[in-house]
Amino acid sequence: MMKCGVVFPQTEIGTDVAAIRSYAEAVDALGYDYLLTFDHVVGANPERPGPWQAGPYNYESMFHEPFVLFGYLSSVTSGLGFATGILILPQRQTVLVAKQAAEVDLLCGGRLRLGIGVGWNPAEYEALGQDFHRRGHRQAEQVEVLRQLWTRRLVDYTGEYHQLPDVGIYPLPRQRPIPIWFGGGSDAVLRRMARLGDGWMPNTASPEELAERMTQLRGYLRDAGRDPRDFGLDVRIDVGRVGEEAWGQRIERLQALGVTHICINTMNRGYSPEAHIDAIGRFKAVWDTRVG
């Protein structure tokens, strides 16, 4: 059965801890399956000298740190799952991510999905001391290292980017391993996730575009000796692109495509925390009518 989630409204939720808690409690009380959050560690100043890649966010865009946020929210909710959608993995230290994710997975009772991506902002990589141009290749090795750290007490690993001299994290996560889902949609990323991933978190696309990319991905999965039916698909419905009157139809079209997870995204509409809660309440009512 499809799972229903919400995108945590990073850029608009603010810093009032009571509002953050109220939002998470509302998500939980409405019966959502999971809460998904976007990720950026730093934002660049668009006025700084020199060329840099423009994007949807900058230094004025608010982003709460996902692992710390999930650790807190796991204590004020019950049964709610958590997903990063996505964590920009190659700009981070892999072993530290393994440790942080394992801790969150324990705190939330084994309900974490680690969505990963390579990001778009060279300035963020530079600030974190990583090579932007090698991020895809590094990501593939990181996935291998993460899974070993989550399933073995000791890991002795030598790769191009990692040296683990017979070490291990403790405690291990509840899930062994934690599911790893991929964001992005380039051909290289589709091939990588077909080999290494548990699911796909595509950027918002029309059902027609999604169907075309899913056909391509399923071919890559079969080439990798994997059953496409075992591969998850988490799709966002953005309120800025899909009007409320079309929510039910979009849910049904995505269900017909074989989507396993759908989350409603109310970010970047200028909503107050209360308005975000109202919007996700209306979406859940439509969901319950169409899906049950």
Foldseek 3Di string as FASTA:
>chain_A
DFAEEAEDQFQFQDDDVVLLLVLLALRQVLPHAEYEYEDDDAFADPPDDDDWDDDDDGRNGGGDHQLVSLLVSLVSHANYAYEYLAAQPLLDDLVVVLQSVQVSLASNVNRYAHEYENDDTVVRSVVSVGDSVCSVVSVLVSLVVSLCQQADQWDQDDDPPDGGHGHHDPPHHPDNRHFYEYEDQDPSRLLSCLQRHQEYEYAADQLVVVLVSLVVSCVSNVVNVHHSLRHAYEYEDECVVAPPVCLLVRVVSVVVSVHRYYYYYDYPPNDHSVVVSVVVSSSSVSCVVRPD
